[in-house]
Amino acid sequence: MNDLIQRSIRESIAVKQSILADTSFLEKTEQAAQTFIKAFRSGGKVLFCGNGGSAADAQHLAAELSGRFYTDRPPLYAEALHVNSSFVTAVANDYGYEDVFARMTEAAGRPGDVLAAFSTSGNSPNILKAIEKAKSRGMAVVGFTGATGGKMAGLCDILLNVPSTDTPRIQESHILLGHIICEIVERELF
């Protein structure tokens, strides 16, 4: 059991060390934070979407921005698109699960807003449809994926494609990157 624990920790550290050594990746992370800041400064919002563990990450980061991260400050308009279970189940039933995030992006997204889209594979159909809807509405898209970026690679304005193909290691890095972005946003705005 101890070997499993140590191996998992080493693998997580190795992915983060790869990110740390990649100047281009660090610059993209800063660009993502600046994209959020631009939206908030203009009175806009950040909408988050993801499935499963990525939904949890999306909700977690939306809460960091709309609640607080390190400092007491006014709330920022950030929302995870899956938290209204009645909406999600109605749209999934009436239109199909592939449309749940696109429908809410159409309802809530405005030009200048940001869609933060999470998919470890980069190929989740409902995330891809949300990205397409966001782009059609004049929103910026920051994608959080694994190594290849999948189909999201060609659709996102900024792609944070974690250098791993292992879902748990990707998600661990997504939350790290999200926390860094939240800290930059909070420092610059407040």
C-alpha atoms as a PDB file:
ATOM      1  CA  MET A   1       0.000   0.000   0.000  1.00  0.00           C
ATOM      2  CA  ASN A   2       2.810   2.399   0.884  1.00  0.00           C
ATOM      3  CA  ASP A   3       4.278   1.903  -2.634  1.00  0.00           C
ATOM      4  CA  LEU A   4       0.995   2.957  -4.218  1.00  0.00           C
ATOM      5  CA  ILE A   5       0.822   6.083  -2.085  1.00  0.00           C
ATOM      6  CA  GLN A   6       4.407   7.065  -2.851  1.00  0.00           C
ATOM      7  CA  ARG A   7       4.005   6.334  -6.582  1.00  0.00           C
ATOM      8  CA  SER A   8       0.860   8.499  -6.821  1.00  0.00           C
ATOM      9  CA  ILE A   9       2.524  11.395  -5.033  1.00  0.00           C
ATOM     10  CA  ARG A  10       5.661  11.105  -7.216  1.00  0.00           C
ATOM     11  CA  GLU A  11       3.546  11.063 -10.391  1.00  0.00           C
ATOM     12  CA  SER A  12       1.610  14.129  -9.274  1.00  0.00           C
ATOM     13  CA  ILE A  13       4.831  15.980  -8.461  1.00  0.00           C
ATOM     14  CA  ALA A  14       6.345  14.992 -11.838  1.00  0.00           C
ATOM     15  CA  VAL A  15       3.408  16.488 -13.746  1.00  0.00           C
ATOM     16  CA  LYS A  16       3.639  19.713 -11.763  1.00  0.00           C
ATOM     17  CA  GLN A  17       7.420  19.841 -12.299  1.00  0.00           C
ATOM     18  CA  SER A  18       6.811  19.552 -16.049  1.00  0.00           C
ATOM     19  CA  ILE A  19       4.424  22.502 -15.873  1.00  0.00           C
ATOM     20  CA  LEU A  20       6.880  24.486 -13.764  1.00  0.00           C
ATOM     21  CA  ALA A  21       9.676  23.922 -16.300  1.00  0.00           C
ATOM     22  CA  ASP A  22       7.517  24.968 -19.280  1.00  0.00           C
ATOM     23  CA  THR A  23       7.794  28.751 -19.686  1.00  0.00           C
ATOM     24  CA  SER A  24       5.159  28.757 -22.417  1.00  0.00           C
ATOM     25  CA  PHE A  25       2.693  26.949 -20.150  1.00  0.00           C
ATOM     26  CA  LEU A  26       3.326  29.432 -17.339  1.00  0.00           C
ATOM     27  CA  GLU A  27       2.696  32.300 -19.785  1.00  0.00           C
ATOM     28  CA  LYS A  28      -0.589  30.688 -20.871  1.00  0.00           C
ATOM     29  CA  THR A  29      -1.619  30.449 -17.218  1.00  0.00           C
ATOM     30  CA  GLU A  30      -0.955  34.186 -16.803  1.00  0.00           C
ATOM     31  CA  GLN A  31      -2.917  34.875 -20.008  1.00  0.00           C
ATOM     32  CA  ALA A  32      -5.843  32.856 -18.648  1.00  0.00           C
ATOM     33  CA  ALA A  33      -5.826  34.930 -15.455  1.00  0.00           C
ATOM     34  CA  GLN A  34      -5.696  38.144 -17.481  1.00  0.00           C
ATOM     35  CA  THR A  35      -8.643  36.935 -19.576  1.00  0.00           C
ATOM     36  CA  PHE A  36     -10.675  36.470 -16.397  1.00  0.00           C
ATOM     37  CA  ILE A  37      -9.565  39.880 -15.103  1.00  0.00           C
ATOM     38  CA  LYS A  38     -10.565  41.607 -18.343  1.00  0.00           C
ATOM     39  CA  ALA A  39     -14.051  40.090 -18.129  1.00  0.00           C
ATOM     40  CA  PHE A  40     -14.509  41.071 -14.486  1.00  0.00           C
ATOM     41  CA  ARG A  41     -13.217  44.627 -15.056  1.00  0.00           C
ATOM     42  CA  SER A  42     -15.774  45.134 -17.810  1.00  0.00           C
ATOM     43  CA  GLY A  43     -18.648  43.896 -15.630  1.00  0.00           C
ATOM     44  CA  GLY A  44     -18.639  40.409 -17.137  1.00  0.00           C
ATOM     45  CA  LYS A  45     -18.551  36.935 -15.689  1.00  0.00           C
ATOM     46  CA  VAL A  46     -16.817  33.578 -15.894  1.00  0.00           C
ATOM     47  CA  LEU A  47     -18.943  30.504 -16.536  1.00  0.00           C
ATOM     48  CA  PHE A  48     -17.435  27.105 -15.694  1.00  0.00           C
ATOM     49  CA  CYS A  49     -18.349  23.682 -17.067  1.00  0.00           C
ATOM     50  CA  GLY A  50     -17.089  20.131 -16.691  1.00  0.00           C
ATOM     51  CA  ASN A  51     -18.285  16.562 -16.107  1.00  0.00           C
ATOM     52  CA  GLY A  52     -17.722  14.330 -13.090  1.00  0.00           C
ATOM     53  CA  GLY A  53     -14.556  15.310 -11.216  1.00  0.00           C
ATOM     54  CA  SER A  54     -14.142  18.210 -13.621  1.00  0.00           C
ATOM     55  CA  ALA A  55     -17.622  19.432 -12.625  1.00  0.00           C
ATOM     56  CA  ALA A  56     -16.444  19.416  -9.034  1.00  0.00           C
ATOM     57  CA  ASP A  57     -13.351  21.408 -10.046  1.00  0.00           C
ATOM     58  CA  ALA A  58     -15.514  23.852 -12.010  1.00  0.00           C
ATOM     59  CA  GLN A  59     -17.830  24.368  -9.035  1.00  0.00           C
ATOM     60  CA  HIS A  60     -14.890  24.688  -6.646  1.00  0.00           C
ATOM     61  CA  LEU A  61     -13.206  27.425  -8.700  1.00  0.00           C
ATOM     62  CA  ALA A  62     -16.459  29.293  -9.309  1.00  0.00           C
ATOM     63  CA  ALA A  63     -16.914  29.367  -5.531  1.00  0.00           C
ATOM     64  CA  GLU A  64     -13.375  30.701  -4.995  1.00  0.00           C
ATOM     65  CA  LEU A  65     -14.157  33.651  -7.275  1.00  0.00           C
ATOM     66  CA  SER A  66     -17.758  34.323  -6.266  1.00  0.00           C
ATOM     67  CA  GLY A  67     -17.065  33.846  -2.573  1.00  0.00           C
ATOM     68  CA  ARG A  68     -13.482  34.595  -1.648  1.00  0.00           C
ATOM     69  CA  PHE A  69     -10.050  33.114  -2.095  1.00  0.00           C
ATOM     70  CA  TYR A  70      -7.517  34.735   0.250  1.00  0.00           C
ATOM     71  CA  THR A  71      -9.081  38.109   0.984  1.00  0.00           C
ATOM     72  CA  ASP A  72     -12.409  39.526   2.039  1.00  0.00           C
ATOM     73  CA  ARG A  73     -13.579  41.464  -0.986  1.00  0.00           C
ATOM     74  CA  PRO A  74     -16.647  42.004  -3.144  1.00  0.00           C
ATOM     75  CA  PRO A  75     -17.837  38.849  -4.905  1.00  0.00           C
ATOM     76  CA  LEU A  76     -17.066  38.231  -8.567  1.00  0.00           C
ATOM     77  CA  TYR A  77     -19.684  36.825 -10.933  1.00  0.00           C
ATOM     78  CA  ALA A  78     -18.552  33.233 -11.492  1.00  0.00           C
ATOM     79  CA  GLU A  79     -20.862  30.265 -11.837  1.00  0.00           C
ATOM     80  CA  ALA A  80     -20.659  26.546 -12.580  1.00  0.00           C
ATOM     81  CA  LEU A  81     -23.234  25.664 -15.235  1.00  0.00           C
ATOM     82  CA  HIS A  82     -24.239  22.296 -13.768  1.00  0.00           C
ATOM     83  CA  VAL A  83     -25.410  23.368 -10.309  1.00  0.00           C
ATOM     84  CA  ASN A  84     -29.096  23.740 -11.223  1.00  0.00           C
ATOM     85  CA  SER A  85     -30.051  20.060 -11.256  1.00  0.00           C
ATOM     86  CA  SER A  86     -33.593  20.758 -12.484  1.00  0.00           C
ATOM     87  CA  PHE A  87     -32.208  22.616 -15.504  1.00  0.00           C
ATOM     88  CA  VAL A  88     -29.597  19.926 -16.237  1.00  0.00           C
ATOM     89  CA  THR A  89     -32.089  17.064 -16.039  1.00  0.00           C
ATOM     90  CA  ALA A  90     -34.780  18.902 -18.033  1.00  0.00           C
ATOM     91  CA  VAL A  91     -32.401  19.839 -20.854  1.00  0.00           C
ATOM     92  CA  ALA A  92     -30.804  16.372 -20.844  1.00  0.00           C
ATOM     93  CA  ASN A  93     -34.265  14.821 -21.087  1.00  0.00           C
ATOM     94  CA  ASP A  94     -35.702  17.221 -23.671  1.00  0.00           C
ATOM     95  CA  TYR A  95     -32.654  17.919 -25.855  1.00  0.00           C
ATOM     96  CA  GLY A  96     -29.917  15.484 -24.825  1.00  0.00           C
ATOM     97  CA  TYR A  97     -27.018  15.661 -22.407  1.00  0.00           C
ATOM     98  CA  GLU A  98     -24.756  17.054 -25.123  1.00  0.00           C
ATOM     99  CA  ASP A  99     -26.750  20.310 -25.008  1.00  0.00           C
ATOM    100  CA  VAL A 100     -26.876  21.057 -21.268  1.00  0.00           C
ATOM    101  CA  PHE A 101     -23.882  23.415 -21.101  1.00  0.00           C
ATOM    102  CA  ALA A 102     -24.539  24.995 -24.507  1.00  0.00           C
ATOM    103  CA  ARG A 103     -28.108  25.888 -23.480  1.00  0.00           C
ATOM    104  CA  MET A 104     -26.977  27.580 -20.275  1.00  0.00           C
ATOM    105  CA  THR A 105     -24.101  29.308 -22.094  1.00  0.00           C
ATOM    106  CA  GLU A 106     -26.658  30.673 -24.551  1.00  0.00           C
ATOM    107  CA  ALA A 107     -28.881  31.842 -21.697  1.00  0.00           C
ATOM    108  CA  ALA A 108     -26.197  33.438 -19.513  1.00  0.00           C
ATOM    109  CA  GLY A 109     -23.208  34.188 -21.755  1.00  0.00           C
ATOM    110  CA  ARG A 110     -22.612  37.659 -23.158  1.00  0.00           C
ATOM    111  CA  PRO A 111     -19.864  39.149 -25.320  1.00  0.00           C
ATOM    112  CA  GLY A 112     -16.779  39.695 -23.178  1.00  0.00           C
ATOM    113  CA  ASP A 113     -17.629  36.910 -20.720  1.00  0.00           C
ATOM    114  CA  VAL A 114     -15.400  33.855 -20.334  1.00  0.00           C
ATOM    115  CA  LEU A 115     -16.191  30.155 -20.540  1.00  0.00           C
ATOM    116  CA  ALA A 116     -13.789  28.033 -18.489  1.00  0.00           C
ATOM    117  CA  ALA A 117     -14.207  24.572 -20.005  1.00  0.00           C
ATOM    118  CA  PHE A 118     -12.836  21.426 -18.304  1.00  0.00           C
ATOM    119  CA  SER A 119     -12.364  18.075 -20.068  1.00  0.00           C
ATOM    120  CA  THR A 120      -9.416  15.808 -19.314  1.00  0.00           C
ATOM    121  CA  SER A 121      -9.671  14.265 -22.789  1.00  0.00           C
ATOM    122  CA  GLY A 122     -10.616  17.492 -24.534  1.00  0.00           C
ATOM    123  CA  ASN A 123     -13.304  15.549 -26.385  1.00  0.00           C
ATOM    124  CA  SER A 124     -16.429  15.699 -24.191  1.00  0.00           C
ATOM    125  CA  PRO A 125     -19.309  16.421 -26.605  1.00  0.00           C
ATOM    126  CA  ASN A 126     -21.231  18.648 -24.170  1.00  0.00           C
ATOM    127  CA  ILE A 127     -18.104  20.714 -23.476  1.00  0.00           C
ATOM    128  CA  LEU A 128     -17.354  21.068 -27.193  1.00  0.00           C
ATOM    129  CA  LYS A 129     -20.916  22.290 -27.843  1.00  0.00           C
ATOM    130  CA  ALA A 130     -20.628  24.799 -24.987  1.00  0.00           C
ATOM    131  CA  ILE A 131     -17.377  26.116 -26.477  1.00  0.00           C
ATOM    132  CA  GLU A 132     -18.986  26.524 -29.881  1.00  0.00           C
ATOM    133  CA  LYS A 133     -21.908  28.397 -28.314  1.00  0.00           C
ATOM    134  CA  ALA A 134     -19.557  30.609 -26.285  1.00  0.00           C
ATOM    135  CA  LYS A 135     -17.540  31.518 -29.390  1.00  0.00           C
ATOM    136  CA  SER A 136     -20.734  32.362 -31.301  1.00  0.00           C
ATOM    137  CA  ARG A 137     -21.717  34.719 -28.471  1.00  0.00           C
ATOM    138  CA  GLY A 138     -18.409  36.600 -28.449  1.00  0.00           C
ATOM    139  CA  MET A 139     -17.071  34.967 -25.293  1.00  0.00           C
ATOM    140  CA  ALA A 140     -13.444  34.041 -24.650  1.00  0.00           C
ATOM    141  CA  VAL A 141     -12.756  30.366 -23.925  1.00  0.00           C
ATOM    142  CA  VAL A 142     -10.120  29.050 -21.537  1.00  0.00           C
ATOM    143  CA  GLY A 143      -9.778  25.284 -21.841  1.00  0.00           C
ATOM    144  CA  PHE A 144      -8.411  22.913 -19.204  1.00  0.00           C
ATOM    145  CA  THR A 145      -7.448  19.528 -20.684  1.00  0.00           C
ATOM    146  CA  GLY A 146      -4.858  16.773 -20.675  1.00  0.00           C
ATOM    147  CA  ALA A 147      -1.748  16.525 -22.832  1.00  0.00           C
ATOM    148  CA  THR A 148      -3.203  16.409 -26.334  1.00  0.00           C
ATOM    149  CA  GLY A 149      -6.002  18.920 -25.813  1.00  0.00           C
ATOM    150  CA  GLY A 150      -8.242  16.694 -27.921  1.00  0.00           C
ATOM    151  CA  LYS A 151     -10.765  18.504 -30.113  1.00  0.00           C
ATOM    152  CA  MET A 152     -10.682  21.451 -27.700  1.00  0.00           C
ATOM    153  CA  ALA A 153      -7.137  22.267 -28.865  1.00  0.00           C
ATOM    154  CA  GLY A 154      -8.408  23.963 -32.002  1.00  0.00           C
ATOM    155  CA  LEU A 155     -11.337  25.733 -30.345  1.00  0.00           C
ATOM    156  CA  CYS A 156     -10.024  27.463 -27.204  1.00  0.00           C
ATOM    157  CA  ASP A 157      -8.495  30.936 -27.038  1.00  0.00           C
ATOM    158  CA  ILE A 158      -6.175  29.682 -24.303  1.00  0.00           C
ATOM    159  CA  LEU A 159      -5.557  25.987 -23.712  1.00  0.00           C
ATOM    160  CA  LEU A 160      -4.052  24.756 -20.458  1.00  0.00           C
ATOM    161  CA  ASN A 161      -3.280  21.214 -21.571  1.00  0.00           C
ATOM    162  CA  VAL A 162      -1.656  19.523 -18.599  1.00  0.00           C
ATOM    163  CA  PRO A 163       1.238  17.285 -19.738  1.00  0.00           C
ATOM    164  CA  SER A 164      -0.333  13.993 -18.682  1.00  0.00           C
ATOM    165  CA  THR A 165      -2.808  11.400 -19.955  1.00  0.00           C
ATOM    166  CA  ASP A 166      -3.710  10.162 -16.458  1.00  0.00           C
ATOM    167  CA  THR A 167      -7.075  11.623 -15.410  1.00  0.00           C
ATOM    168  CA  PRO A 168      -6.356  11.967 -11.660  1.00  0.00           C
ATOM    169  CA  ARG A 169      -3.002  13.687 -12.328  1.00  0.00           C
ATOM    170  CA  ILE A 170      -4.657  16.019 -14.868  1.00  0.00           C
ATOM    171  CA  GLN A 171      -7.427  16.980 -12.443  1.00  0.00           C
ATOM    172  CA  GLU A 172      -4.936  17.582  -9.622  1.00  0.00           C
ATOM    173  CA  SER A 173      -3.096  19.995 -11.886  1.00  0.00           C
ATOM    174  CA  HIS A 174      -6.318  21.667 -13.017  1.00  0.00           C
ATOM    175  CA  ILE A 175      -7.171  22.604  -9.447  1.00  0.00           C
ATOM    176  CA  LEU A 176      -3.622  23.890  -8.894  1.00  0.00           C
ATOM    177  CA  LEU A 177      -3.828  26.029 -12.034  1.00  0.00           C
ATOM    178  CA  GLY A 178      -7.299  27.230 -11.070  1.00  0.00           C
ATOM    179  CA  HIS A 179      -6.075  28.270  -7.626  1.00  0.00           C
ATOM    180  CA  ILE A 180      -3.173  30.164  -9.182  1.00  0.00           C
ATOM    181  CA  ILE A 181      -5.561  31.964 -11.539  1.00  0.00           C
ATOM    182  CA  CYS A 182      -7.873  32.833  -8.625  1.00  0.00           C
ATOM    183  CA  GLU A 183      -4.958  34.267  -6.671  1.00  0.00           C
ATOM    184  CA  ILE A 184      -3.797  36.393  -9.607  1.00  0.00           C
ATOM    185  CA  VAL A 185      -7.360  37.643 -10.194  1.00  0.00           C
ATOM    186  CA  GLU A 186      -7.814  38.545  -6.545  1.00  0.00           C
ATOM    187  CA  ARG A 187      -4.439  40.296  -6.263  1.00  0.00           C
ATOM    188  CA  GLU A 188      -4.921  42.371  -9.396  1.00  0.00           C
ATOM    189  CA  LEU A 189      -8.554  43.340  -8.819  1.00  0.00           C
ATOM    190  CA  PHE A 190      -8.371  43.939  -5.065  1.00  0.00           C
END
